[in-house]
Protein backbone atom coordinates (compact mmCIF):
# COMPACT_ATOMS: atom_id res chain seq x y z
CA MET A 1 52.81 14.63 -70.36
CA LYS A 2 54.25 18.03 -70.52
CA ARG A 3 53.91 17.93 -74.33
CA TRP A 4 50.21 17.24 -74.15
CA ILE A 5 49.66 20.02 -71.62
CA ALA A 6 51.36 22.48 -74.00
CA ILE A 7 49.19 21.33 -76.96
CA VAL A 8 45.95 21.75 -74.90
CA ALA A 9 47.11 25.25 -73.78
CA ALA A 10 47.83 26.32 -77.37
CA VAL A 11 44.38 25.19 -78.54
CA VAL A 12 42.58 26.99 -75.83
CA VAL A 13 44.52 30.23 -76.45
CA VAL A 14 43.79 30.06 -80.21
CA GLY A 15 40.05 29.34 -79.57
CA ALA A 16 39.78 32.21 -77.11
CA ALA A 17 41.44 34.59 -79.54
CA ALA A 18 39.03 33.47 -82.37
CA ALA A 19 36.01 33.97 -80.19
CA TRP A 20 37.17 37.51 -79.11
CA VAL A 21 37.80 38.50 -82.76
CA THR A 22 34.44 37.18 -83.79
CA SER A 23 32.51 38.92 -81.03
CA ARG A 24 34.34 42.24 -81.86
CA ARG A 25 33.35 41.87 -85.52
CA ASP A 26 29.70 40.92 -84.94
CA GLY A 27 29.34 43.79 -82.40
CA SER A 28 30.26 46.38 -85.05
CA ALA A 29 27.39 45.65 -87.34
CA PRO A 30 24.83 48.41 -87.07
CA SER A 31 21.22 47.93 -86.50
CA TYR A 32 18.47 50.42 -87.66
CA ARG A 33 15.27 51.62 -86.26
CA LEU A 34 12.77 51.91 -89.10
CA VAL A 35 9.58 54.02 -89.42
CA ALA A 36 7.07 54.00 -92.29
CA VAL A 37 6.02 56.83 -94.50
CA GLU A 38 2.34 57.39 -93.75
CA ARG A 39 -0.50 59.08 -95.41
CA GLY A 40 -2.82 61.36 -93.48
CA ASP A 41 -3.69 64.84 -92.28
CA ILE A 42 -1.30 67.18 -90.50
CA ASP A 43 -1.71 70.50 -88.72
CA SER A 44 0.99 72.98 -87.91
CA VAL A 45 0.22 74.58 -84.52
CA VAL A 46 1.43 77.26 -82.16
CA SER A 47 1.05 76.07 -78.55
CA ALA A 48 0.18 78.38 -75.58
CA THR A 49 -1.73 78.32 -72.34
CA GLY A 50 -4.49 80.54 -71.21
CA THR A 51 -7.31 81.02 -68.70
CA LEU A 52 -11.05 80.58 -69.29
CA SER A 53 -13.26 83.46 -68.27
CA ALA A 54 -16.79 84.77 -68.96
CA VAL A 55 -17.11 87.31 -71.77
CA THR A 56 -18.72 89.87 -69.39
CA THR A 57 -18.13 89.72 -65.72
CA VAL A 58 -19.69 92.44 -63.49
CA GLN A 59 -18.57 93.19 -59.98
CA VAL A 60 -21.66 94.33 -58.02
CA GLY A 61 -20.94 96.88 -55.23
CA THR A 62 -22.76 99.51 -53.21
CA GLN A 63 -22.59 103.30 -53.44
CA VAL A 64 -23.67 103.85 -49.82
CA SER A 65 -22.27 102.61 -46.50
CA GLY A 66 -24.29 100.38 -44.16
CA LEU A 67 -25.03 97.13 -42.54
CA ILE A 68 -25.97 94.08 -44.73
CA SER A 69 -29.38 93.26 -43.64
CA GLU A 70 -30.38 90.61 -46.25
CA LEU A 71 -28.74 88.53 -48.86
CA LEU A 72 -31.16 87.03 -51.44
CA VAL A 73 -28.80 85.08 -53.67
CA ASP A 74 -25.70 82.86 -53.21
CA PHE A 75 -22.99 81.22 -55.21
CA ASN A 76 -24.09 79.62 -58.65
CA ASP A 77 -27.59 81.25 -58.43
CA ARG A 78 -28.98 82.46 -61.63
CA VAL A 79 -30.16 86.07 -61.62
CA THR A 80 -32.00 88.31 -64.06
CA LYS A 81 -31.40 92.08 -64.67
CA GLY A 82 -33.09 94.20 -62.07
CA GLN A 83 -33.57 91.34 -59.63
CA VAL A 84 -33.17 92.34 -55.96
CA ILE A 85 -30.13 90.39 -54.63
CA ALA A 86 -29.28 92.26 -51.27
CA ARG A 87 -30.43 94.94 -48.97
CA LEU A 88 -28.69 97.28 -46.61
CA ASP A 89 -30.05 98.46 -43.25
CA THR A 90 -31.89 101.71 -44.04
CA THR A 91 -32.33 103.20 -40.55
CA LEU A 92 -29.69 105.92 -40.99
CA LEU A 93 -30.55 106.60 -44.59
CA GLU A 94 -34.27 107.15 -43.73
CA SER A 95 -33.30 109.50 -40.87
CA ASN A 96 -31.15 111.48 -43.19
CA LEU A 97 -34.04 111.72 -45.70
CA ARG A 98 -36.41 113.10 -43.10
CA ASP A 99 -33.80 115.60 -42.15
CA VAL A 100 -33.31 116.72 -45.69
CA GLU A 101 -37.10 116.96 -46.25
CA ALA A 102 -37.26 119.35 -43.22
CA SER A 103 -34.49 121.51 -44.71
CA VAL A 104 -36.44 121.81 -47.88
CA GLU A 105 -39.57 122.95 -46.10
CA ARG A 106 -37.44 125.43 -44.19
CA ALA A 107 -35.88 126.82 -47.43
CA ARG A 108 -39.23 127.15 -49.09
CA ALA A 109 -40.55 129.10 -46.12
CA GLU A 110 -37.57 131.45 -46.17
CA LEU A 111 -38.23 131.93 -49.96
CA SER A 112 -41.83 132.89 -49.25
CA GLN A 113 -40.80 135.41 -46.62
CA ALA A 114 -38.15 136.86 -49.02
CA GLU A 115 -40.76 137.22 -51.82
CA ARG A 116 -43.10 139.10 -49.40
CA ASP A 117 -40.23 141.42 -48.30
CA LEU A 118 -39.27 142.04 -51.83
CA GLU A 119 -42.81 142.88 -52.81
CA ARG A 120 -43.22 145.33 -49.92
CA ILE A 121 -39.90 147.12 -50.49
CA THR A 122 -40.53 147.38 -54.15
CA SER A 123 -43.88 149.21 -53.49
CA LEU A 124 -42.22 151.57 -51.14
CA TYR A 125 -39.31 152.18 -53.43
CA GLN A 126 -41.75 153.00 -56.32
CA GLN A 127 -43.41 155.58 -53.94
CA GLY A 128 -40.06 157.14 -53.11
CA VAL A 129 -40.19 156.15 -49.48
CA SER A 130 -37.69 153.30 -49.48
CA SER A 131 -34.06 153.83 -50.52
CA VAL A 132 -32.20 152.11 -53.26
CA ALA A 133 -30.05 150.23 -50.69
CA ASP A 134 -33.12 148.76 -49.08
CA TYR A 135 -34.52 147.68 -52.39
CA ASN A 136 -31.16 145.98 -53.48
CA LYS A 137 -31.02 144.24 -50.15
CA ALA A 138 -34.44 142.81 -50.54
CA GLN A 139 -33.70 141.63 -54.04
CA TYR A 140 -30.48 139.93 -52.86
CA ASN A 141 -32.36 138.10 -49.96
CA HIS A 142 -34.96 136.87 -52.38
CA ASP A 143 -32.32 135.47 -54.81
CA VAL A 144 -30.49 133.74 -52.04
CA ALA A 145 -33.66 132.12 -50.61
CA ARG A 146 -34.46 130.85 -54.06
CA ALA A 147 -31.09 129.33 -54.39
CA GLN A 148 -31.32 127.67 -51.03
CA VAL A 149 -34.55 126.00 -52.08
CA LYS A 150 -32.76 124.60 -55.09
CA SER A 151 -29.92 123.25 -52.98
CA ALA A 152 -32.33 121.74 -50.47
CA GLU A 153 -34.25 120.06 -53.25
CA ALA A 154 -31.03 118.60 -54.70
CA SER A 155 -30.07 117.18 -51.25
CA LEU A 156 -33.50 115.77 -51.03
CA ALA A 157 -33.15 113.97 -54.36
CA ARG A 158 -29.74 112.66 -53.32
CA ALA A 159 -31.06 111.34 -50.04
CA ARG A 160 -33.88 109.60 -51.77
CA GLN A 161 -31.45 108.05 -54.27
CA ASN A 162 -29.12 106.89 -51.40
CA LEU A 163 -32.09 105.18 -49.85
CA ALA A 164 -32.83 103.48 -53.19
CA TYR A 165 -29.15 102.39 -53.30
CA ALA A 166 -29.67 100.35 -50.14
CA THR A 167 -31.61 97.86 -52.31
CA ILE A 168 -28.96 96.00 -54.47
CA THR A 169 -30.21 94.74 -57.78
CA ALA A 170 -28.44 92.74 -60.48
CA PRO A 171 -27.19 94.90 -63.30
CA VAL A 172 -27.08 92.09 -65.83
CA SER A 173 -28.60 88.60 -66.23
CA GLY A 174 -26.20 85.83 -65.37
CA ILE A 175 -24.83 83.60 -62.76
CA VAL A 176 -23.43 84.63 -59.40
CA VAL A 177 -19.81 83.36 -59.34
CA GLU A 178 -18.74 85.09 -56.16
CA ARG A 179 -20.30 86.35 -52.99
CA ALA A 180 -17.93 88.51 -50.97
CA VAL A 181 -20.17 89.51 -47.92
CA ASP A 182 -22.32 87.97 -45.31
CA VAL A 183 -25.39 89.15 -43.37
CA GLY A 184 -24.41 91.49 -40.62
CA GLN A 185 -21.31 92.66 -42.31
CA THR A 186 -20.73 96.49 -42.52
CA VAL A 187 -19.57 97.81 -45.82
CA ALA A 188 -18.09 101.30 -46.23
CA ALA A 189 -18.23 103.15 -49.49
CA SER A 190 -16.36 106.25 -48.52
CA LEU A 191 -13.25 105.64 -50.69
CA ALA A 192 -14.36 102.92 -53.17
CA ALA A 193 -17.42 100.85 -53.85
CA PRO A 194 -17.03 97.59 -51.96
CA ARG A 195 -17.51 94.38 -53.94
CA LEU A 196 -20.51 92.41 -52.82
CA PHE A 197 -21.02 89.93 -55.77
CA THR A 198 -19.45 88.92 -58.99
CA ILE A 199 -21.86 87.99 -61.81
CA ALA A 200 -20.89 86.30 -65.10
CA ASN A 201 -23.15 87.52 -67.82
CA ASP A 202 -23.58 84.29 -69.84
CA LEU A 203 -21.42 81.16 -69.39
CA SER A 204 -22.66 79.70 -72.73
CA GLU A 205 -20.26 82.13 -74.44
CA MET A 206 -16.83 82.25 -72.92
CA GLN A 207 -13.35 83.40 -73.79
CA ILE A 208 -9.76 82.42 -73.28
CA LEU A 209 -7.06 85.06 -72.68
CA SER A 210 -3.84 83.47 -73.88
CA PRO A 211 -0.33 85.07 -73.94
CA VAL A 212 1.54 84.32 -77.08
CA ASP A 213 5.29 84.88 -77.52
CA GLU A 214 6.39 87.60 -79.90
CA SER A 215 8.18 84.99 -82.06
CA ASP A 216 4.82 83.38 -82.88
CA ILE A 217 2.36 86.19 -82.71
CA GLY A 218 2.84 87.00 -86.47
CA GLN A 219 1.14 83.63 -87.25
CA ILE A 220 -1.93 84.43 -85.28
CA LYS A 221 -4.82 85.99 -87.20
CA GLU A 222 -8.38 86.92 -86.29
CA GLY A 223 -10.76 84.16 -87.28
CA GLN A 224 -8.15 81.48 -86.96
CA ALA A 225 -9.24 78.08 -85.77
CA VAL A 226 -8.16 76.98 -82.23
CA ARG A 227 -8.40 73.77 -80.31
CA PHE A 228 -7.64 73.32 -76.64
CA THR A 229 -7.97 70.90 -73.71
CA VAL A 230 -8.46 71.42 -69.98
CA LYS A 231 -7.11 69.33 -67.22
CA THR A 232 -10.49 68.10 -66.03
CA TYR A 233 -11.32 66.59 -69.37
CA PRO A 234 -7.92 65.47 -70.75
CA ASP A 235 -9.51 63.25 -73.43
CA ARG A 236 -11.79 65.79 -74.94
CA THR A 237 -10.73 68.53 -77.42
CA PHE A 238 -12.69 71.78 -77.40
CA THR A 239 -12.64 74.29 -80.28
CA GLY A 240 -12.64 78.07 -80.54
CA VAL A 241 -11.86 80.99 -82.85
CA VAL A 242 -9.44 83.82 -82.50
CA LYS A 243 -11.54 86.89 -81.77
CA GLN A 244 -8.84 89.59 -81.18
CA VAL A 245 -5.04 90.02 -81.01
CA ARG A 246 -4.44 92.81 -78.51
CA LEU A 247 -1.74 95.24 -79.45
CA GLN A 248 -0.65 95.86 -75.80
CA SER A 249 2.34 93.91 -74.92
CA THR A 250 3.48 92.47 -71.59
CA ILE A 251 7.00 91.66 -70.51
CA GLU A 252 7.69 88.87 -68.07
CA GLN A 253 11.18 87.62 -67.39
CA ASN A 254 12.45 89.59 -70.41
CA ILE A 255 9.93 87.74 -72.61
CA VAL A 256 7.53 89.81 -74.71
CA ASN A 257 3.99 88.39 -74.93
CA TYR A 258 0.83 89.55 -76.59
CA THR A 259 -2.69 88.63 -75.28
CA VAL A 260 -4.90 86.68 -77.81
CA VAL A 261 -8.61 86.65 -77.08
CA ILE A 262 -10.31 83.29 -78.14
CA SER A 263 -14.15 82.95 -78.37
CA VAL A 264 -15.36 79.72 -77.06
CA LYS A 265 -18.87 78.07 -77.24
CA ASN A 266 -19.87 76.37 -73.96
CA ASP A 267 -23.33 75.05 -74.65
CA ASP A 268 -23.07 72.11 -72.40
CA GLY A 269 -21.66 74.11 -69.49
CA LYS A 270 -18.64 71.84 -69.09
CA LEU A 271 -16.17 74.74 -69.10
CA LEU A 272 -15.94 76.82 -65.87
CA PRO A 273 -14.36 80.29 -65.31
CA GLY A 274 -10.73 80.05 -64.14
CA MET A 275 -9.80 76.80 -65.80
CA THR A 276 -6.38 76.57 -67.39
CA ALA A 277 -6.54 75.78 -71.14
CA THR A 278 -3.70 74.26 -73.20
CA VAL A 279 -4.24 75.97 -76.49
CA GLU A 280 -3.14 75.14 -80.02
CA PHE A 281 -3.48 77.74 -82.73
CA VAL A 282 -3.86 75.95 -86.22
CA VAL A 283 -1.58 78.09 -88.40
CA ALA A 284 -1.44 75.63 -91.36
CA SER A 285 -3.20 72.36 -92.42
CA ALA A 286 -2.65 69.73 -94.98
CA THR A 287 -4.96 66.83 -95.79
CA ASP A 288 -4.22 63.38 -97.40
CA VAL A 289 -0.50 63.93 -97.63
CA LEU A 290 2.66 61.81 -97.00
CA LYS A 291 4.21 62.37 -93.63
CA VAL A 292 7.11 60.88 -91.73
CA ALA A 293 8.33 61.03 -88.10
CA ASN A 294 10.67 64.05 -87.51
CA ALA A 295 13.33 61.54 -86.20
CA ALA A 296 13.72 60.20 -89.81
CA LEU A 297 14.49 63.73 -91.01
CA ARG A 298 17.01 64.32 -88.27
CA PHE A 299 18.80 60.94 -88.76
CA ARG A 300 22.34 61.18 -90.01
CA PRO A 301 24.61 58.11 -90.43
CA SER A 302 28.27 58.06 -89.71
CA GLU A 303 30.72 59.52 -92.27
CA SER A 304 31.89 56.22 -93.45
CA LEU A 305 28.43 54.83 -94.07
CA LEU A 306 27.38 58.14 -95.70
CA ALA A 307 30.51 57.93 -98.03
CA GLU A 308 29.64 54.31 -99.01
CA ALA A 309 25.98 55.35 -99.78
CA ARG A 310 27.33 58.24 -102.01
CA GLU A 311 29.67 56.07 -103.87
CA ARG A 312 26.96 53.53 -104.61
CA MET A 313 24.68 56.28 -105.92
CA ARG A 314 27.43 57.66 -108.05
CA LYS A 315 28.22 54.29 -109.65
CA GLN A 316 24.43 53.61 -110.29
CA PHE A 317 24.07 57.10 -111.80
CA GLU A 318 27.14 56.61 -114.08
CA GLU A 319 25.82 53.01 -115.18
CA ARG A 320 22.39 54.41 -116.10
CA ALA A 321 23.98 57.29 -117.91
CA ALA A 322 26.12 54.87 -119.91
CA ALA A 323 23.10 52.68 -120.63
CA ARG A 324 21.16 55.65 -121.93
CA GLY A 325 24.03 56.73 -124.14
CA ALA A 326 24.46 53.22 -125.51
CA ALA A 327 20.68 53.12 -126.45
CA GLY A 328 21.07 56.38 -128.38
CA SER A 329 17.97 57.98 -126.63
CA PRO A 330 18.25 60.44 -123.75
CA GLY A 331 15.11 59.05 -122.14
CA ALA A 332 15.87 55.31 -122.74
CA GLY A 333 16.05 53.26 -119.53
CA ALA A 334 14.63 56.13 -117.40
CA GLY A 335 11.68 54.11 -116.31
CA THR A 336 13.20 50.59 -116.41
CA THR A 337 14.78 50.76 -113.10
CA GLY A 338 12.19 50.08 -110.48
CA GLY A 339 11.73 49.80 -106.72
CA GLN A 340 14.55 50.79 -104.40
CA GLN A 341 17.08 51.11 -107.32
CA GLY A 342 15.10 53.97 -109.01
CA ARG A 343 14.91 55.74 -105.75
CA THR A 344 18.54 55.38 -104.94
CA GLY A 345 19.81 56.66 -108.31
CA SER A 346 17.58 59.76 -108.50
CA GLY A 347 18.81 63.13 -107.45
CA ALA A 348 22.28 62.23 -106.26
CA GLY A 349 23.40 65.80 -106.35
CA GLU A 350 20.45 67.02 -104.29
CA ALA A 351 21.00 64.25 -101.72
CA ARG A 352 24.72 65.10 -101.53
CA GLY A 353 23.93 68.70 -100.86
CA ALA A 354 21.15 68.08 -98.41
CA SER A 355 23.22 65.66 -96.31
CA GLY A 356 26.36 67.73 -96.25
CA ALA A 357 27.76 69.54 -93.29
CA ASP A 358 26.17 72.86 -94.26
CA GLY A 359 22.79 71.37 -95.07
CA THR A 360 21.39 70.93 -91.56
CA ALA A 361 19.57 74.24 -91.02
CA ARG A 362 18.86 75.08 -94.65
CA GLY A 363 18.17 71.61 -95.69
CA GLN A 364 15.56 71.09 -92.96
CA ARG A 365 13.58 74.07 -94.32
CA ASP A 366 14.06 73.82 -98.14
CA ARG A 367 15.14 70.23 -98.72
CA SER A 368 16.20 67.26 -96.68
CA VAL A 369 17.04 63.56 -97.15
CA LEU A 370 15.62 60.29 -95.92
CA PHE A 371 17.76 57.18 -95.51
CA TYR A 372 16.54 53.69 -96.10
CA LEU A 373 17.79 50.15 -96.96
CA ASP A 374 17.87 49.14 -100.58
CA ASP A 375 17.18 45.69 -102.00
CA ALA A 376 20.73 44.57 -101.05
CA GLY A 377 20.24 45.74 -97.51
CA LYS A 378 22.65 48.65 -98.12
CA LEU A 379 22.18 52.16 -96.90
CA ALA A 380 20.65 54.45 -99.52
CA MET A 381 19.21 58.02 -99.38
CA MET A 382 16.41 59.81 -101.10
CA PRO A 383 16.04 63.64 -101.32
CA VAL A 384 12.73 65.10 -100.13
CA ARG A 385 11.19 68.48 -99.63
CA PRO A 386 9.67 68.88 -96.17
CA GLY A 387 6.44 70.80 -95.58
CA ILE A 388 4.56 71.71 -92.42
CA THR A 389 5.15 69.95 -89.17
CA ASP A 390 3.12 69.34 -85.97
CA GLY A 391 6.12 68.65 -83.83
CA GLN A 392 6.11 64.91 -84.27
CA TYR A 393 5.38 64.29 -87.93
CA THR A 394 6.46 66.42 -91.04
CA GLU A 395 4.88 66.47 -94.43
CA VAL A 396 7.25 65.37 -97.11
CA ARG A 397 7.18 65.47 -100.84
CA GLY A 398 9.31 63.64 -103.45
CA PRO A 399 8.99 61.99 -106.81
CA PHE A 400 9.68 58.47 -105.60
CA LEU A 401 8.07 58.70 -102.13
CA GLU A 402 5.29 56.16 -101.53
CA GLU A 403 3.16 55.18 -98.62
CA GLY A 404 4.54 52.44 -96.51
CA LEU A 405 8.15 53.05 -97.44
CA GLN A 406 10.30 52.04 -94.50
CA VAL A 407 12.97 54.77 -93.75
CA ILE A 408 15.60 54.93 -91.01
CA ALA A 409 14.81 56.84 -87.80
CA GLY A 410 17.74 55.83 -85.75
CA MET A 411 20.71 53.58 -85.44
CA SER A 412 22.14 51.68 -82.50
CA GLN A 413 25.57 50.04 -82.35
CA ALA A 414 25.14 46.44 -81.04
CA THR A 415 27.13 46.19 -77.81
CA ALA A 416 28.80 42.88 -77.39
CA THR A 417 29.53 41.52 -73.99
CA PRO A 418 32.93 42.77 -73.00
CA SER A 419 35.40 39.98 -73.55
CA THR A 420 38.90 39.67 -72.21
CA ASN A 421 41.80 39.59 -74.64
CA PRO A 422 43.30 36.21 -74.10
CA PHE A 423 46.78 37.60 -74.97
CA GLN A 424 46.61 40.03 -72.04
CA GLY A 425 47.24 38.07 -68.89
CA SER A 426 46.99 41.19 -66.71
CA GLN A 427 43.24 41.42 -67.36
CA GLN A 428 42.40 37.95 -66.26
CA SER A 429 39.86 37.78 -63.41
CA GLY A 430 38.93 35.14 -60.93
CA PRO A 431 41.05 33.10 -58.55
CA PRO A 432 44.66 32.42 -59.39
CA ARG A 433 45.40 29.36 -61.45
CA PRO A 434 47.73 26.69 -60.27
CA PRO A 435 51.28 27.14 -61.46
CA GLY A 436 52.18 25.19 -64.54
CA ILE A 437 48.78 25.26 -66.15
CA PHE A 438 48.31 27.76 -69.03
């Protein structure tokens, strides 16, 4: 009986060990995430945010103080240039005008009296009866009276103009976007003109003021195409044109920005002042080109897999070189190898340099490499030259690239369920076994 128990225990131990080794071996097989090389259009953009505003916005104020007696427009009302939009109480202004008119009449009367005195003294002076001092005094009084008339007339003109200022008119045609006062409110214009209304000239023509970082401003030019979205219409893309790149810089949190003015058409009136726009400046475009996901260009296998791929490429290159030498023609056999094999053997030196340790930064700009699986399911690589990128896809060029080619964008190591080494008794879990069994 004890013999049979020992045999059963040995079989179980051997089976458990074999299963553990198999699971460890199967779990080490890599699995790849593939993406296809696509054909299409691609745009390289610089992203920024900005604020929509009217091209011309006028703040309407008043040059005289007074009580708001009448408001003739409100928010969102359309006005035309010269239209009366508000009036101030004119009681004090009219009283001041009458006072100034009286001052003008008094000054004119004094001028008439001074003219008569001058005429009389001049006659006496010519007859030798009046002295030179009397003549000069009369001449002085006449000149002063004439100056006082001019001053009074200027005050009269100012009083009349102040009375006219009590009637507020629209300086431009547009839409009232803000009303800052109410009827009965007193406005004081002693230090600065108070703001009564804000009028946007024409909302069919708008602009975006967008700050752009100094690292990207060199790519922004006048006349450049722009596309943008706003939060209220997330599924709609609007377009615009760069109108101006302002030279004045602003510094915020140690970041230097330059303001870019973007001209926008708003014929349907969907865009409103103050909206936040997510802007993309189109700095380069390519149409009908091959492109691939950026993850495929960033993918790098392990050193062991990379070494195996290089070794296979080296052997294939040597075999083809030997075949061409045996045929006696330098070009013989160049086009006989098709499909994945032709891609694998081409440009081994370029692929080796692009995938090396020092090829990450320079290779991404000048040349790079794509990895794929050959006909035998083995890892292979192909040198390519990347072009413009939109942040998700990059234009790629290469002699053996073709639309639909499946390239590797990532690799995941299959994780097997942790298994317990049957030879390590200390790792066993569960309730204790009865003594004498296993």
